[in-house]
Amino acid sequence: MRLGKVTENVLKRSVLKPLTKQAYKGSAAVGTDCAFSIKEDGSVMLSATMPITFNSDLAGFLAVEGASNNILAMGGTPVMAVISILLPEDAEEPEIKKIMNSAMEAAQLYHMPISGGHTEVTSAVTRPVITVTVSGVADKDSFAKVKNAQAGDDLVMVGSAGIAGAAAFANDRAEELKSRYPAHMIEEAKEYNRYAIMASEAAVAIKSGVRAIHDISYGGVFAALWEMAEGAGTGLEVDLKKIPIRQETIEIAEFFEVNPYQLLTGGLLMAASDGIGLVNEYAKAGISAQIIGKLQSGNDRVLINDDEKRFLDLPQADEIHKVLG
């Protein structure tokens, strides 16, 4: 099979189908990156997992950040993380410390502990594999699901396309980038921790009553768009030029010949009945948000780039694997 997340057909056929009798209805589904269980009192228990299988000094940080933002995107609060680290036989102790320091930096930003986990050296892997599971809680008034979205909703995005992948490239392949770009641009791309946490962004969305929130991570913006529409059972139409993206991400993606819209991202995609109103609420909070398109009736998922129109493809393997393995 291809690198990265398994295809949607494999996911439905071999992963989700066996879970249908066990998982809470809607918890295990395409487009749902966070498992949930609703208790009798209406409170919600949440759990999200993020694996990092590519080589990066940011691996620990990205694993904690990705799982935590999945909790936030469901209207929850991250409360605890556990971490699993599988190391190849040639690994040294400083590598473990680097992973843990990176993970702890992210956990501190979310004001939660890393409460346990597992660390092992094994011949089963050729590079470190870091998996973080974050537990969270939500109440019935803040709980959000992708399937609440519907045709006619505006698609609103906060964050920036490909920013997490660009940060990983800037951290791990800085010397190569310096052959073309100034040092200050590379340093700016490295500072992903300033943009990673989506707590304030998720809070504004929940308060504004959005129909659905989806964390943008593996597979980038294109994967999130597909998963939002698939979860809602709709089509969509999106203007490529309206998708927020930083200039350094564009430059770094061009250097490594990858598509920034299919690159690991930090951000949220929301479906809102009143996109303009939501953008205004974000502006009041000092957060930049952009209407990038709309969910449509039917199944067509269309990307518009000036006069060109094309159909959105099924989610592809994240472009980060082409560079970092």
Protein backbone atom coordinates (compact mmCIF):
# COMPACT_ATOMS: atom_id res chain seq x y z
CA MET A 1 0.00 0.00 0.00
CA ARG A 2 1.02 3.64 -0.38
CA LEU A 3 2.78 5.64 2.33
CA GLY A 4 0.68 7.71 4.75
CA LYS A 5 -2.92 7.28 5.83
CA VAL A 6 -4.70 4.33 4.22
CA THR A 7 -7.11 5.13 1.42
CA GLU A 8 -10.72 5.94 2.25
CA ASN A 9 -11.95 2.66 0.74
CA VAL A 10 -9.53 0.60 2.84
CA LEU A 11 -10.48 2.63 5.92
CA LYS A 12 -14.19 2.00 5.41
CA ARG A 13 -13.81 -1.66 4.47
CA SER A 14 -11.19 -2.94 6.89
CA VAL A 15 -11.10 -0.49 9.81
CA LEU A 16 -14.46 1.20 10.30
CA LYS A 17 -16.72 -1.70 9.33
CA PRO A 18 -15.52 -3.97 12.19
CA LEU A 19 -16.02 -1.07 14.64
CA THR A 20 -19.67 -0.35 13.82
CA LYS A 21 -21.04 -2.59 16.60
CA GLN A 22 -18.66 -1.26 19.26
CA ALA A 23 -18.06 2.45 18.72
CA TYR A 24 -20.56 5.12 19.75
CA LYS A 25 -22.58 6.05 16.66
CA GLY A 26 -20.63 8.57 14.59
CA SER A 27 -17.46 8.27 16.66
CA ALA A 28 -15.54 6.09 14.22
CA ALA A 29 -16.24 7.60 10.81
CA VAL A 30 -14.59 9.23 7.80
CA GLY A 31 -13.76 12.81 8.68
CA THR A 32 -13.91 12.22 12.43
CA ASP A 33 -10.40 12.48 13.88
CA CYS A 34 -11.52 12.31 17.50
CA ALA A 35 -13.33 9.42 19.21
CA PHE A 36 -16.11 10.28 21.63
CA SER A 37 -18.55 8.78 24.07
CA ILE A 38 -21.55 10.65 25.48
CA LYS A 39 -22.40 9.93 29.12
CA GLU A 40 -25.89 9.90 30.61
CA ASP A 41 -25.44 13.38 32.09
CA GLY A 42 -24.64 14.78 28.63
CA SER A 43 -20.92 15.23 29.21
CA VAL A 44 -18.61 13.97 26.50
CA MET A 45 -15.40 11.96 26.81
CA LEU A 46 -12.94 12.51 23.95
CA SER A 47 -9.80 10.78 22.74
CA ALA A 48 -7.54 11.53 19.77
CA THR A 49 -4.35 9.88 18.50
CA MET A 50 -1.59 11.37 16.36
CA PRO A 51 1.30 9.27 15.00
CA ILE A 52 4.44 10.80 13.53
CA THR A 53 6.29 8.39 11.26
CA PHE A 54 8.69 10.76 9.51
CA ASN A 55 12.08 12.01 10.70
CA SER A 56 11.86 15.46 12.26
CA ASP A 57 13.17 17.36 15.27
CA LEU A 58 9.57 18.56 15.67
CA ALA A 59 8.13 15.03 15.85
CA GLY A 60 7.21 15.07 19.55
CA PHE A 61 5.72 18.55 19.31
CA LEU A 62 3.69 17.72 16.20
CA ALA A 63 2.30 14.53 17.72
CA VAL A 64 1.04 16.30 20.86
CA GLU A 65 -0.20 19.31 18.90
CA GLY A 66 -2.06 17.22 16.33
CA ALA A 67 -3.91 15.08 18.86
CA SER A 68 -4.72 18.08 21.06
CA ASN A 69 -6.12 20.14 18.20
CA ASN A 70 -8.39 17.22 17.31
CA ILE A 71 -9.84 17.48 20.83
CA LEU A 72 -10.28 21.25 20.45
CA ALA A 73 -11.96 20.79 17.07
CA MET A 74 -14.67 18.71 18.78
CA GLY A 75 -15.34 21.52 21.24
CA GLY A 76 -13.37 19.81 23.99
CA THR A 77 -10.53 20.58 26.38
CA PRO A 78 -7.36 18.42 26.30
CA VAL A 79 -6.63 17.14 29.81
CA MET A 80 -3.97 14.43 29.53
CA ALA A 81 -1.54 12.90 27.03
CA VAL A 82 0.24 9.55 26.83
CA ILE A 83 3.14 8.95 24.47
CA SER A 84 4.52 5.84 22.77
CA ILE A 85 8.03 5.98 21.31
CA LEU A 86 9.36 3.13 19.17
CA LEU A 87 13.06 3.46 18.35
CA PRO A 88 15.32 1.62 15.86
CA GLU A 89 18.22 -0.46 17.16
CA ASP A 90 20.81 2.19 16.30
CA ALA A 91 19.05 4.92 18.33
CA GLU A 92 20.91 6.66 21.16
CA GLU A 93 19.60 8.13 24.41
CA PRO A 94 19.93 11.79 23.25
CA GLU A 95 17.29 11.03 20.60
CA ILE A 96 14.80 10.01 23.30
CA LYS A 97 15.51 13.23 25.21
CA LYS A 98 14.99 15.30 22.07
CA ILE A 99 11.63 13.68 21.37
CA MET A 100 10.46 14.09 24.95
CA ASN A 101 11.59 17.72 25.21
CA SER A 102 9.72 18.50 22.00
CA ALA A 103 6.57 16.73 23.23
CA MET A 104 6.72 18.40 26.63
CA GLU A 105 7.05 21.83 25.03
CA ALA A 106 3.75 21.26 23.23
CA ALA A 107 2.02 19.77 26.29
CA GLN A 108 2.93 22.83 28.34
CA LEU A 109 1.33 25.07 25.73
CA TYR A 110 -1.92 23.11 26.17
CA HIS A 111 -1.58 23.23 29.98
CA MET A 112 -1.78 19.47 30.35
CA PRO A 113 0.56 16.72 31.58
CA ILE A 114 2.09 13.84 29.69
CA SER A 115 0.99 11.23 32.19
CA GLY A 116 2.60 8.07 30.87
CA GLY A 117 3.25 5.94 27.83
CA HIS A 118 5.68 3.38 26.47
CA THR A 119 9.27 3.52 25.17
CA GLU A 120 10.86 0.65 23.28
CA VAL A 121 13.81 -0.16 21.02
CA THR A 122 12.73 -2.58 18.31
CA SER A 123 13.94 -4.02 15.02
CA ALA A 124 10.40 -3.49 13.70
CA VAL A 125 11.14 0.18 12.86
CA THR A 126 13.93 1.88 10.93
CA ARG A 127 13.29 5.36 12.35
CA PRO A 128 11.51 6.69 15.44
CA VAL A 129 7.73 6.28 15.48
CA ILE A 130 6.02 8.60 17.95
CA THR A 131 2.34 8.18 18.80
CA VAL A 132 0.52 10.49 21.19
CA THR A 133 -3.00 9.93 22.51
CA VAL A 134 -4.73 12.86 24.16
CA SER A 135 -7.83 12.54 26.33
CA GLY A 136 -10.28 15.39 26.69
CA VAL A 137 -13.69 16.41 27.94
CA ALA A 138 -16.55 18.49 26.53
CA ASP A 139 -20.10 19.36 27.49
CA LYS A 140 -23.14 18.83 25.31
CA ASP A 141 -23.39 22.55 24.46
CA SER A 142 -19.86 22.76 23.04
CA PHE A 143 -19.66 19.36 21.36
CA ALA A 144 -19.26 19.63 17.57
CA LYS A 145 -19.37 16.94 14.87
CA VAL A 146 -18.50 16.98 11.17
CA LYS A 147 -21.85 15.37 10.27
CA ASN A 148 -23.73 18.45 11.48
CA ALA A 149 -22.54 20.35 8.39
CA GLN A 150 -24.98 20.68 5.49
CA ALA A 151 -25.24 21.95 1.93
CA GLY A 152 -25.32 25.75 1.80
CA ASP A 153 -22.92 26.21 4.71
CA ASP A 154 -19.95 28.51 4.21
CA LEU A 155 -16.50 26.97 4.61
CA VAL A 156 -14.35 29.13 6.86
CA MET A 157 -10.66 28.52 7.54
CA VAL A 158 -8.31 29.73 10.26
CA GLY A 159 -4.63 28.90 10.22
CA SER A 160 -2.37 28.56 7.21
CA ALA A 161 -1.98 25.84 4.57
CA GLY A 162 1.11 23.65 4.90
CA ILE A 163 2.54 25.62 7.82
CA ALA A 164 3.42 22.60 9.98
CA GLY A 165 5.15 20.79 7.13
CA ALA A 166 7.07 23.91 6.18
CA ALA A 167 8.21 24.26 9.80
CA ALA A 168 9.46 20.67 9.81
CA PHE A 169 11.37 21.28 6.56
CA ALA A 170 12.85 24.51 7.93
CA ASN A 171 13.99 22.76 11.12
CA ASP A 172 15.37 19.62 9.53
CA ARG A 173 16.60 20.78 6.13
CA ALA A 174 17.71 24.31 6.94
CA GLU A 175 21.13 24.05 5.30
CA GLU A 176 19.59 23.07 1.97
CA LEU A 177 17.11 25.93 2.15
CA LYS A 178 19.88 28.43 2.93
CA SER A 179 21.31 27.77 -0.52
CA ARG A 180 18.36 29.71 -1.96
CA TYR A 181 16.61 31.67 0.79
CA PRO A 182 17.70 34.20 3.44
CA ALA A 183 18.18 32.94 7.00
CA HIS A 184 15.43 35.19 8.40
CA MET A 185 12.81 33.52 6.18
CA ILE A 186 13.86 30.07 7.33
CA GLU A 187 13.81 31.16 10.98
CA GLU A 188 10.30 32.58 10.51
CA ALA A 189 9.12 29.26 9.08
CA LYS A 190 10.57 27.40 12.07
CA GLU A 191 8.42 29.31 14.57
CA TYR A 192 5.42 27.03 14.22
CA ASN A 193 4.74 26.96 17.96
CA ARG A 194 3.41 30.52 17.68
CA TYR A 195 0.59 29.35 15.43
CA ALA A 196 0.06 25.72 16.46
CA ILE A 197 -2.51 25.92 19.25
CA MET A 198 -6.08 26.29 18.05
CA ALA A 199 -7.70 26.82 21.49
CA SER A 200 -8.81 30.43 20.93
CA GLU A 201 -9.85 29.66 17.36
CA ALA A 202 -11.96 26.69 18.43
CA ALA A 203 -13.53 28.67 21.28
CA VAL A 204 -14.72 31.41 18.91
CA ALA A 205 -16.20 28.80 16.58
CA ILE A 206 -18.08 27.03 19.36
CA LYS A 207 -19.38 30.30 20.81
CA SER A 208 -20.56 31.34 17.34
CA GLY A 209 -22.54 28.13 16.89
CA VAL A 210 -20.78 26.67 13.85
CA ARG A 211 -22.27 23.44 12.53
CA ALA A 212 -18.97 21.56 12.30
CA ILE A 213 -15.24 21.95 12.92
CA HIS A 214 -12.48 19.85 11.38
CA ASP A 215 -8.80 19.97 12.35
CA ILE A 216 -6.50 20.38 9.34
CA SER A 217 -3.47 18.14 9.72
CA TYR A 218 -2.25 15.12 7.71
CA GLY A 219 -2.96 15.48 4.01
CA GLY A 220 -3.28 19.24 4.36
CA VAL A 221 -6.19 21.46 3.38
CA PHE A 222 -7.27 19.26 0.47
CA ALA A 223 -7.69 16.23 2.74
CA ALA A 224 -9.64 18.28 5.32
CA LEU A 225 -11.97 19.63 2.63
CA TRP A 226 -12.69 16.14 1.32
CA GLU A 227 -13.26 14.75 4.82
CA MET A 228 -15.58 17.64 5.75
CA ALA A 229 -17.72 17.06 2.65
CA GLU A 230 -17.61 13.26 3.03
CA GLY A 231 -18.68 13.45 6.67
CA ALA A 232 -21.52 15.84 5.80
CA GLY A 233 -22.57 13.86 2.70
CA THR A 234 -22.25 16.92 0.44
CA GLY A 235 -20.27 18.38 -2.41
CA LEU A 236 -18.28 21.61 -2.19
CA GLU A 237 -16.87 24.49 -4.19
CA VAL A 238 -13.66 26.18 -3.00
CA ASP A 239 -11.63 29.10 -4.36
CA LEU A 240 -7.97 28.06 -4.20
CA LYS A 241 -6.78 31.66 -4.00
CA LYS A 242 -8.80 32.28 -0.85
CA ILE A 243 -7.08 29.52 1.13
CA PRO A 244 -4.71 31.25 3.62
CA ILE A 245 -1.05 30.42 3.06
CA ARG A 246 2.16 32.11 4.21
CA GLN A 247 4.74 33.19 1.65
CA GLU A 248 7.55 31.23 3.29
CA THR A 249 5.43 28.08 3.00
CA ILE A 250 4.99 28.71 -0.72
CA GLU A 251 8.74 29.19 -1.18
CA ILE A 252 9.72 26.13 0.87
CA ALA A 253 7.13 23.94 -0.86
CA GLU A 254 8.46 25.09 -4.23
CA PHE A 255 12.04 24.29 -3.18
CA PHE A 256 11.13 20.70 -2.27
CA GLU A 257 8.64 20.35 -5.15
CA VAL A 258 5.64 19.51 -2.97
CA ASN A 259 2.05 20.73 -3.00
CA PRO A 260 1.51 22.99 0.07
CA TYR A 261 -2.23 22.25 0.02
CA GLN A 262 -1.47 18.55 0.61
CA LEU A 263 1.13 19.26 3.30
CA LEU A 264 0.80 18.87 7.08
CA THR A 265 -1.10 21.92 8.31
CA GLY A 266 -2.09 23.64 11.52
CA GLY A 267 -5.56 25.12 11.36
CA LEU A 268 -9.29 24.57 11.54
CA LEU A 269 -11.90 24.19 8.81
CA MET A 270 -15.46 25.12 9.80
CA ALA A 271 -18.90 24.82 8.27
CA ALA A 272 -21.07 27.80 9.24
CA SER A 273 -24.53 28.93 8.19
CA ASP A 274 -23.28 32.55 8.39
CA GLY A 275 -19.66 32.65 7.30
CA ILE A 276 -19.47 36.45 7.24
CA GLY A 277 -20.74 36.62 10.80
CA LEU A 278 -18.17 34.04 11.90
CA VAL A 279 -15.32 35.91 10.20
CA ASN A 280 -16.45 39.09 11.99
CA GLU A 281 -16.42 37.28 15.34
CA TYR A 282 -12.88 36.15 14.65
CA ALA A 283 -11.89 39.70 13.75
CA LYS A 284 -13.22 40.90 17.12
CA ALA A 285 -10.95 38.32 18.78
CA GLY A 286 -7.96 39.48 16.72
CA ILE A 287 -7.87 36.27 14.67
CA SER A 288 -7.65 36.15 10.90
CA ALA A 289 -10.28 33.96 9.23
CA GLN A 290 -11.30 33.51 5.60
CA ILE A 291 -14.36 32.18 3.78
CA ILE A 292 -12.83 29.84 1.21
CA GLY A 293 -15.91 28.23 -0.28
CA LYS A 294 -19.25 26.58 0.36
CA LEU A 295 -20.71 23.11 0.82
CA GLN A 296 -22.97 22.19 -2.07
CA SER A 297 -25.77 19.72 -2.67
CA GLY A 298 -24.78 16.72 -4.74
CA ASN A 299 -21.39 15.01 -4.78
CA ASP A 300 -19.21 17.29 -6.94
CA ARG A 301 -16.19 18.65 -5.06
CA VAL A 302 -14.75 21.46 -7.12
CA LEU A 303 -11.62 23.61 -6.81
CA ILE A 304 -11.60 26.96 -8.63
CA ASN A 305 -8.34 28.68 -9.59
CA ASP A 306 -9.13 31.82 -11.62
CA ASP A 307 -10.86 30.51 -14.76
CA GLU A 308 -9.78 26.92 -14.17
CA LYS A 309 -12.03 24.38 -12.46
CA ARG A 310 -11.06 20.87 -11.41
CA PHE A 311 -12.41 18.18 -9.14
CA LEU A 312 -10.88 17.62 -5.72
CA ASP A 313 -9.17 14.24 -5.57
CA LEU A 314 -9.51 11.68 -2.82
CA PRO A 315 -7.06 12.48 0.03
CA GLN A 316 -3.50 11.66 -0.95
CA ALA A 317 -0.48 10.72 1.19
CA ASP A 318 0.88 13.79 2.95
CA GLU A 319 3.59 15.50 0.92
CA ILE A 320 5.87 15.58 3.96
CA HIS A 321 6.74 11.93 3.33
CA LYS A 322 8.37 12.84 0.01
CA VAL A 323 11.01 14.87 1.88
CA LEU A 324 11.32 13.49 5.42
CA GLY A 325 10.52 9.85 4.68
